[in-house]
């Protein structure tokens, strides 16, 4: 199974934020916005497995080096660039 991607062009920042609001926080799909382009992706299992592997690897390294880290999970970061 592969991941699916859809690209939307000429989307305003306001429209992107409305889309996020309407889809809610419990969505499976991932959205990215850059210069009026929205990418919508449904990740597949291998993608999620790789993410978890990297998370665990970083956690073990941080524990061994006695580093204080903060895990965030899936997170939406938004900053409008004018």
PDB file of N, CA and C in Angstrom:
ATOM      1  N   UNK A   1       0.846  -1.179   0.000  1.00  0.00           N
ATOM      2  CA  UNK A   1       0.000   0.000   0.000  1.00  0.00           C
ATOM      3  C   UNK A   1       0.894   1.246   0.000  1.00  0.00           C
ATOM      4  N   UNK A   2       0.523   2.234  -0.757  1.00  0.00           N
ATOM      5  CA  UNK A   2       1.307   3.465  -0.827  1.00  0.00           C
ATOM      6  C   UNK A   2       0.524   4.599  -0.199  1.00  0.00           C
ATOM      7  N   UNK A   3       1.264   5.648   0.116  1.00  0.00           N
ATOM      8  CA  UNK A   3       0.591   6.828   0.630  1.00  0.00           C
ATOM      9  C   UNK A   3      -0.063   7.562  -0.529  1.00  0.00           C
ATOM     10  N   UNK A   4      -1.104   8.294  -0.230  1.00  0.00           N
ATOM     11  CA  UNK A   4      -1.800   9.080  -1.236  1.00  0.00           C
ATOM     12  C   UNK A   4      -1.543  10.550  -0.980  1.00  0.00           C
ATOM     13  N   UNK A   5      -1.313  11.299  -2.051  1.00  0.00           N
ATOM     14  CA  UNK A   5      -1.080  12.735  -1.934  1.00  0.00           C
ATOM     15  C   UNK A   5      -1.964  13.484  -2.915  1.00  0.00           C
ATOM     16  N   UNK A   6      -2.476  14.616  -2.454  1.00  0.00           N
ATOM     17  CA  UNK A   6      -3.249  15.525  -3.300  1.00  0.00           C
ATOM     18  C   UNK A   6      -2.637  16.907  -3.123  1.00  0.00           C
ATOM     19  N   UNK A   7      -2.408  17.598  -4.224  1.00  0.00           N
ATOM     20  CA  UNK A   7      -1.853  18.948  -4.192  1.00  0.00           C
ATOM     21  C   UNK A   7      -2.931  19.922  -4.662  1.00  0.00           C
ATOM     22  N   UNK A   8      -3.160  20.965  -3.868  1.00  0.00           N
ATOM     23  CA  UNK A   8      -4.116  22.024  -4.220  1.00  0.00           C
ATOM     24  C   UNK A   8      -3.349  23.332  -4.373  1.00  0.00           C
ATOM     25  N   UNK A   9      -3.566  24.028  -5.468  1.00  0.00           N
ATOM     26  CA  UNK A   9      -2.878  25.291  -5.740  1.00  0.00           C
ATOM     27  C   UNK A   9      -3.795  26.482  -5.501  1.00  0.00           C
ATOM     28  N   UNK A  10      -3.188  27.640  -5.295  1.00  0.00           N
ATOM     29  CA  UNK A  10      -3.904  28.910  -5.115  1.00  0.00           C
ATOM     30  C   UNK A  10      -4.861  28.887  -3.930  1.00  0.00           C
ATOM     31  N   UNK A  11      -4.405  28.334  -2.818  1.00  0.00           N
ATOM     32  CA  UNK A  11      -5.208  28.258  -1.597  1.00  0.00           C
ATOM     33  C   UNK A  11      -4.704  29.337  -0.637  1.00  0.00           C
ATOM     34  N   UNK A  12      -5.598  30.152  -0.141  1.00  0.00           N
ATOM     35  CA  UNK A  12      -5.200  31.213   0.785  1.00  0.00           C
ATOM     36  C   UNK A  12      -4.920  30.627   2.165  1.00  0.00           C
ATOM     37  N   UNK A  13      -4.176  31.382   2.955  1.00  0.00           N
ATOM     38  CA  UNK A  13      -3.874  30.999   4.332  1.00  0.00           C
ATOM     39  C   UNK A  13      -5.169  30.843   5.124  1.00  0.00           C
ATOM     40  N   UNK A  14      -6.125  31.730   4.884  1.00  0.00           N
ATOM     41  CA  UNK A  14      -7.410  31.677   5.588  1.00  0.00           C
ATOM     42  C   UNK A  14      -8.166  30.395   5.231  1.00  0.00           C
ATOM     43  N   UNK A  15      -8.152  30.024   3.961  1.00  0.00           N
ATOM     44  CA  UNK A  15      -8.827  28.799   3.529  1.00  0.00           C
ATOM     45  C   UNK A  15      -8.160  27.574   4.152  1.00  0.00           C
ATOM     46  N   UNK A  16      -6.842  27.566   4.191  1.00  0.00           N
ATOM     47  CA  UNK A  16      -6.111  26.463   4.818  1.00  0.00           C
ATOM     48  C   UNK A  16      -6.507  26.314   6.285  1.00  0.00           C
ATOM     49  N   UNK A  17      -6.555  27.422   7.011  1.00  0.00           N
ATOM     50  CA  UNK A  17      -6.944  27.362   8.424  1.00  0.00           C
ATOM     51  C   UNK A  17      -8.384  26.895   8.597  1.00  0.00           C
ATOM     52  N   UNK A  18      -9.262  27.285   7.697  1.00  0.00           N
ATOM     53  CA  UNK A  18     -10.654  26.828   7.751  1.00  0.00           C
ATOM     54  C   UNK A  18     -10.721  25.323   7.507  1.00  0.00           C
ATOM     55  N   UNK A  19      -9.912  24.839   6.582  1.00  0.00           N
ATOM     56  CA  UNK A  19      -9.843  23.405   6.299  1.00  0.00           C
ATOM     57  C   UNK A  19      -9.400  22.636   7.537  1.00  0.00           C
ATOM     58  N   UNK A  20      -8.354  23.123   8.211  1.00  0.00           N
ATOM     59  CA  UNK A  20      -7.890  22.487   9.443  1.00  0.00           C
ATOM     60  C   UNK A  20      -8.990  22.457  10.493  1.00  0.00           C
ATOM     61  N   UNK A  21      -9.690  23.571  10.619  1.00  0.00           N
ATOM     62  CA  UNK A  21     -10.769  23.668  11.612  1.00  0.00           C
ATOM     63  C   UNK A  21     -11.885  22.669  11.310  1.00  0.00           C
ATOM     64  N   UNK A  22     -12.286  22.588  10.049  1.00  0.00           N
ATOM     65  CA  UNK A  22     -13.388  21.697   9.679  1.00  0.00           C
ATOM     66  C   UNK A  22     -13.000  20.218   9.782  1.00  0.00           C
ATOM     67  N   UNK A  23     -11.753  19.894   9.516  1.00  0.00           N
ATOM     68  CA  UNK A  23     -11.310  18.502   9.614  1.00  0.00           C
ATOM     69  C   UNK A  23     -11.107  18.058  11.059  1.00  0.00           C
ATOM     70  N   UNK A  24     -10.827  19.003  11.948  1.00  0.00           N
ATOM     71  CA  UNK A  24     -10.681  18.693  13.366  1.00  0.00           C
ATOM     72  C   UNK A  24      -9.318  18.126  13.719  1.00  0.00           C
ATOM     73  N   UNK A  25      -9.113  17.875  15.003  1.00  0.00           N
ATOM     74  CA  UNK A  25      -7.826  17.421  15.520  1.00  0.00           C
ATOM     75  C   UNK A  25      -7.626  15.908  15.430  1.00  0.00           C
ATOM     76  N   UNK A  26      -8.681  15.153  15.240  1.00  0.00           N
ATOM     77  CA  UNK A  26      -8.585  13.682  15.267  1.00  0.00           C
ATOM     78  C   UNK A  26      -8.503  13.087  13.859  1.00  0.00           C
ATOM     79  N   UNK A  27      -7.974  13.819  12.907  1.00  0.00           N
ATOM     80  CA  UNK A  27      -7.919  13.355  11.526  1.00  0.00           C
ATOM     81  C   UNK A  27      -6.712  12.448  11.311  1.00  0.00           C
ATOM     82  N   UNK A  28      -6.808  11.566  10.338  1.00  0.00           N
ATOM     83  CA  UNK A  28      -5.713  10.687   9.958  1.00  0.00           C
ATOM     84  C   UNK A  28      -4.826  11.374   8.924  1.00  0.00           C
ATOM     85  N   UNK A  29      -5.416  12.186   8.084  1.00  0.00           N
ATOM     86  CA  UNK A  29      -4.656  12.830   7.018  1.00  0.00           C
ATOM     87  C   UNK A  29      -3.761  13.931   7.567  1.00  0.00           C
ATOM     88  N   UNK A  30      -2.696  14.204   6.854  1.00  0.00           N
ATOM     89  CA  UNK A  30      -1.749  15.264   7.209  1.00  0.00           C
ATOM     90  C   UNK A  30      -1.834  16.354   6.155  1.00  0.00           C
ATOM     91  N   UNK A  31      -1.764  17.593   6.601  1.00  0.00           N
ATOM     92  CA  UNK A  31      -1.816  18.722   5.680  1.00  0.00           C
ATOM     93  C   UNK A  31      -0.583  19.593   5.844  1.00  0.00           C
ATOM     94  N   UNK A  32      -0.101  20.114   4.730  1.00  0.00           N
ATOM     95  CA  UNK A  32       1.028  21.040   4.753  1.00  0.00           C
ATOM     96  C   UNK A  32       0.679  22.217   3.854  1.00  0.00           C
ATOM     97  N   UNK A  33       1.132  23.407   4.245  1.00  0.00           N
ATOM     98  CA  UNK A  33       0.845  24.622   3.485  1.00  0.00           C
ATOM     99  C   UNK A  33       2.147  25.369   3.232  1.00  0.00           C
ATOM    100  N   UNK A  34       2.364  25.767   1.979  1.00  0.00           N
ATOM    101  CA  UNK A  34       3.532  26.575   1.639  1.00  0.00           C
ATOM    102  C   UNK A  34       3.233  27.387   0.383  1.00  0.00           C
ATOM    103  N   UNK A  35       3.276  28.691   0.515  1.00  0.00           N
ATOM    104  CA  UNK A  35       3.119  29.616  -0.607  1.00  0.00           C
ATOM    105  C   UNK A  35       1.905  29.289  -1.486  1.00  0.00           C
ATOM    106  N   UNK A  36       0.743  29.232  -0.860  1.00  0.00           N
ATOM    107  CA  UNK A  36      -0.547  28.992  -1.523  1.00  0.00           C
ATOM    108  C   UNK A  36      -0.698  27.593  -2.112  1.00  0.00           C
ATOM    109  N   UNK A  37       0.141  26.659  -1.661  1.00  0.00           N
ATOM    110  CA  UNK A  37       0.017  25.270  -2.086  1.00  0.00           C
ATOM    111  C   UNK A  37      -0.283  24.426  -0.849  1.00  0.00           C
ATOM    112  N   UNK A  38      -1.330  23.613  -0.940  1.00  0.00           N
ATOM    113  CA  UNK A  38      -1.687  22.703   0.146  1.00  0.00           C
ATOM    114  C   UNK A  38      -1.423  21.280  -0.334  1.00  0.00           C
ATOM    115  N   UNK A  39      -0.701  20.538   0.487  1.00  0.00           N
ATOM    116  CA  UNK A  39      -0.487  19.124   0.217  1.00  0.00           C
ATOM    117  C   UNK A  39      -1.266  18.342   1.267  1.00  0.00           C
ATOM    118  N   UNK A  40      -2.092  17.420   0.799  1.00  0.00           N
ATOM    119  CA  UNK A  40      -2.870  16.553   1.678  1.00  0.00           C
ATOM    120  C   UNK A  40      -2.322  15.141   1.496  1.00  0.00           C
ATOM    121  N   UNK A  41      -1.965  14.487   2.606  1.00  0.00           N
ATOM    122  CA  UNK A  41      -1.345  13.171   2.537  1.00  0.00           C
ATOM    123  C   UNK A  41      -2.000  12.220   3.528  1.00  0.00           C
ATOM    124  N   UNK A  42      -2.221  11.001   3.084  1.00  0.00           N
ATOM    125  CA  UNK A  42      -2.623   9.930   3.990  1.00  0.00           C
ATOM    126  C   UNK A  42      -1.431   8.997   4.117  1.00  0.00           C
ATOM    127  N   UNK A  43      -0.743   9.029   5.268  1.00  0.00           N
ATOM    128  CA  UNK A  43       0.449   8.196   5.430  1.00  0.00           C
ATOM    129  C   UNK A  43       0.101   6.714   5.475  1.00  0.00           C
ATOM    130  N   UNK A  44       1.020   5.886   4.991  1.00  0.00           N
ATOM    131  CA  UNK A  44       0.799   4.447   5.047  1.00  0.00           C
ATOM    132  C   UNK A  44       1.618   3.847   6.184  1.00  0.00           C
ATOM    133  N   UNK A  45       1.445   2.581   6.443  1.00  0.00           N
ATOM    134  CA  UNK A  45       2.038   1.921   7.602  1.00  0.00           C
ATOM    135  C   UNK A  45       3.541   2.066   7.721  1.00  0.00           C
ATOM    136  N   UNK A  46       4.278   1.913   6.617  1.00  0.00           N
ATOM    137  CA  UNK A  46       5.728   2.010   6.670  1.00  0.00           C
ATOM    138  C   UNK A  46       6.176   3.390   7.128  1.00  0.00           C
ATOM    139  N   UNK A  47       5.466   4.420   6.705  1.00  0.00           N
ATOM    140  CA  UNK A  47       5.772   5.797   7.122  1.00  0.00           C
ATOM    141  C   UNK A  47       5.634   5.925   8.636  1.00  0.00           C
ATOM    142  N   UNK A  48       4.542   5.417   9.176  1.00  0.00           N
ATOM    143  CA  UNK A  48       4.311   5.501  10.615  1.00  0.00           C
ATOM    144  C   UNK A  48       5.321   4.646  11.388  1.00  0.00           C
ATOM    145  N   UNK A  49       5.661   3.480  10.849  1.00  0.00           N
ATOM    146  CA  UNK A  49       6.654   2.627  11.502  1.00  0.00           C
ATOM    147  C   UNK A  49       7.997   3.357  11.585  1.00  0.00           C
ATOM    148  N   UNK A  50       8.400   3.987  10.483  1.00  0.00           N
ATOM    149  CA  UNK A  50       9.671   4.724  10.462  1.00  0.00           C
ATOM    150  C   UNK A  50       9.659   5.859  11.478  1.00  0.00           C
ATOM    151  N   UNK A  51       8.542   6.567  11.570  1.00  0.00           N
ATOM    152  CA  UNK A  51       8.434   7.658  12.548  1.00  0.00           C
ATOM    153  C   UNK A  51       8.629   7.144  13.967  1.00  0.00           C
ATOM    154  N   UNK A  52       7.970   6.052  14.303  1.00  0.00           N
ATOM    155  CA  UNK A  52       8.060   5.508  15.656  1.00  0.00           C
ATOM    156  C   UNK A  52       9.470   4.994  15.946  1.00  0.00           C
ATOM    157  N   UNK A  53      10.104   4.384  14.940  1.00  0.00           N
ATOM    158  CA  UNK A  53      11.468   3.896  15.112  1.00  0.00           C
ATOM    159  C   UNK A  53      12.409   5.064  15.432  1.00  0.00           C
ATOM    160  N   UNK A  54      12.302   6.140  14.678  1.00  0.00           N
ATOM    161  CA  UNK A  54      13.146   7.314  14.905  1.00  0.00           C
ATOM    162  C   UNK A  54      12.856   7.919  16.275  1.00  0.00           C
ATOM    163  N   UNK A  55      11.583   8.011  16.639  1.00  0.00           N
ATOM    164  CA  UNK A  55      11.209   8.507  17.976  1.00  0.00           C
ATOM    165  C   UNK A  55      11.905   7.699  19.068  1.00  0.00           C
ATOM    166  N   UNK A  56      11.813   6.378  18.955  1.00  0.00           N
ATOM    167  CA  UNK A  56      12.409   5.501  19.968  1.00  0.00           C
ATOM    168  C   UNK A  56      13.926   5.611  19.994  1.00  0.00           C
ATOM    169  N   UNK A  57      14.535   5.714  18.841  1.00  0.00           N
ATOM    170  CA  UNK A  57      15.985   5.851  18.763  1.00  0.00           C
ATOM    171  C   UNK A  57      16.456   7.130  19.464  1.00  0.00           C
ATOM    172  N   UNK A  58      15.789   8.226  19.191  1.00  0.00           N
ATOM    173  CA  UNK A  58      16.135   9.503  19.830  1.00  0.00           C
ATOM    174  C   UNK A  58      15.924   9.418  21.336  1.00  0.00           C
ATOM    175  N   UNK A  59      14.840   8.778  21.761  1.00  0.00           N
ATOM    176  CA  UNK A  59      14.571   8.634  23.191  1.00  0.00           C
ATOM    177  C   UNK A  59      15.684   7.854  23.897  1.00  0.00           C
ATOM    178  N   UNK A  60      16.137   6.760  23.305  1.00  0.00           N
ATOM    179  CA  UNK A  60      17.203   5.957  23.903  1.00  0.00           C
ATOM    180  C   UNK A  60      18.504   6.769  23.977  1.00  0.00           C
ATOM    181  N   UNK A  61      18.832   7.482  22.910  1.00  0.00           N
ATOM    182  CA  UNK A  61      20.043   8.310  22.914  1.00  0.00           C
ATOM    183  C   UNK A  61      19.944   9.385  23.992  1.00  0.00           C
ATOM    184  N   UNK A  62      18.792  10.039  24.093  1.00  0.00           N
ATOM    185  CA  UNK A  62      18.601  11.081  25.109  1.00  0.00           C
ATOM    186  C   UNK A  62      18.741  10.505  26.516  1.00  0.00           C
ATOM    187  N   UNK A  63      18.195   9.330  26.740  1.00  0.00           N
ATOM    188  CA  UNK A  63      18.316   8.694  28.061  1.00  0.00           C
ATOM    189  C   UNK A  63      19.775   8.365  28.374  1.00  0.00           C
ATOM    190  N   UNK A  64      20.485   7.827  27.397  1.00  0.00           N
ATOM    191  CA  UNK A  64      21.896   7.476  27.602  1.00  0.00           C
ATOM    192  C   UNK A  64      22.754   8.707  27.876  1.00  0.00           C
ATOM    193  N   UNK A  65      22.420   9.831  27.233  1.00  0.00           N
ATOM    194  CA  UNK A  65      23.190  11.060  27.410  1.00  0.00           C
ATOM    195  C   UNK A  65      22.633  11.943  28.530  1.00  0.00           C
ATOM    196  N   UNK A  66      21.607  11.428  29.212  1.00  0.00           N
ATOM    197  CA  UNK A  66      20.953  12.158  30.302  1.00  0.00           C
ATOM    198  C   UNK A  66      20.457  13.534  29.842  1.00  0.00           C
ATOM    199  N   UNK A  67      19.812  13.550  28.671  1.00  0.00           N
ATOM    200  CA  UNK A  67      19.243  14.779  28.118  1.00  0.00           C
ATOM    201  C   UNK A  67      17.761  14.846  28.442  1.00  0.00           C
ATOM    202  N   UNK A  68      17.288  16.031  28.729  1.00  0.00           N
ATOM    203  CA  UNK A  68      15.871  16.244  28.988  1.00  0.00           C
ATOM    204  C   UNK A  68      15.210  16.643  27.672  1.00  0.00           C
ATOM    205  N   UNK A  69      14.359  15.771  27.144  1.00  0.00           N
ATOM    206  CA  UNK A  69      13.676  16.080  25.891  1.00  0.00           C
ATOM    207  C   UNK A  69      12.172  16.080  26.106  1.00  0.00           C
ATOM    208  N   UNK A  70      11.484  16.712  25.188  1.00  0.00           N
ATOM    209  CA  UNK A  70      10.031  16.790  25.232  1.00  0.00           C
ATOM    210  C   UNK A  70       9.489  16.194  23.942  1.00  0.00           C
ATOM    211  N   UNK A  71       8.629  15.186  24.050  1.00  0.00           N
ATOM    212  CA  UNK A  71       8.028  14.586  22.865  1.00  0.00           C
ATOM    213  C   UNK A  71       6.693  15.261  22.585  1.00  0.00           C
ATOM    214  N   UNK A  72       6.377  15.407  21.319  1.00  0.00           N
ATOM    215  CA  UNK A  72       5.179  16.146  20.937  1.00  0.00           C
ATOM    216  C   UNK A  72       4.169  15.315  20.154  1.00  0.00           C
ATOM    217  N   UNK A  73       4.558  14.213  19.561  1.00  0.00           N
ATOM    218  CA  UNK A  73       3.631  13.444  18.734  1.00  0.00           C
ATOM    219  C   UNK A  73       3.282  14.231  17.488  1.00  0.00           C
ATOM    220  N   UNK A  74       2.088  14.004  16.958  1.00  0.00           N
ATOM    221  CA  UNK A  74       1.643  14.768  15.792  1.00  0.00           C
ATOM    222  C   UNK A  74       1.297  16.173  16.244  1.00  0.00           C
ATOM    223  N   UNK A  75       1.809  17.122  15.532  1.00  0.00           N
ATOM    224  CA  UNK A  75       1.680  18.507  15.965  1.00  0.00           C
ATOM    225  C   UNK A  75       1.514  19.401  14.753  1.00  0.00           C
ATOM    226  N   UNK A  76       0.636  20.356  14.836  1.00  0.00           N
ATOM    227  CA  UNK A  76       0.469  21.347  13.783  1.00  0.00           C
ATOM    228  C   UNK A  76       1.133  22.636  14.221  1.00  0.00           C
ATOM    229  N   UNK A  77       2.112  23.063  13.456  1.00  0.00           N
ATOM    230  CA  UNK A  77       2.769  24.343  13.708  1.00  0.00           C
ATOM    231  C   UNK A  77       2.312  25.319  12.632  1.00  0.00           C
ATOM    232  N   UNK A  78       1.889  26.485  13.067  1.00  0.00           N
ATOM    233  CA  UNK A  78       1.391  27.463  12.105  1.00  0.00           C
ATOM    234  C   UNK A  78       2.059  28.814  12.347  1.00  0.00           C
ATOM    235  N   UNK A  79       2.548  29.389  11.259  1.00  0.00           N
ATOM    236  CA  UNK A  79       3.090  30.739  11.313  1.00  0.00           C
ATOM    237  C   UNK A  79       2.856  31.351   9.936  1.00  0.00           C
ATOM    238  N   UNK A  80       2.034  32.357   9.895  1.00  0.00           N
ATOM    239  CA  UNK A  80       1.768  33.029   8.631  1.00  0.00           C
ATOM    240  C   UNK A  80       2.954  33.914   8.277  1.00  0.00           C
ATOM    241  N   UNK A  81       3.462  33.749   7.075  1.00  0.00           N
ATOM    242  CA  UNK A  81       4.579  34.570   6.603  1.00  0.00           C
ATOM    243  C   UNK A  81       4.006  35.597   5.637  1.00  0.00           C
ATOM    244  N   UNK A  82       4.278  36.820   5.944  1.00  0.00           N
ATOM    245  CA  UNK A  82       3.727  37.914   5.124  1.00  0.00           C
ATOM    246  C   UNK A  82       4.784  38.449   4.203  1.00  0.00           C
TER     247      UNK A  82
END
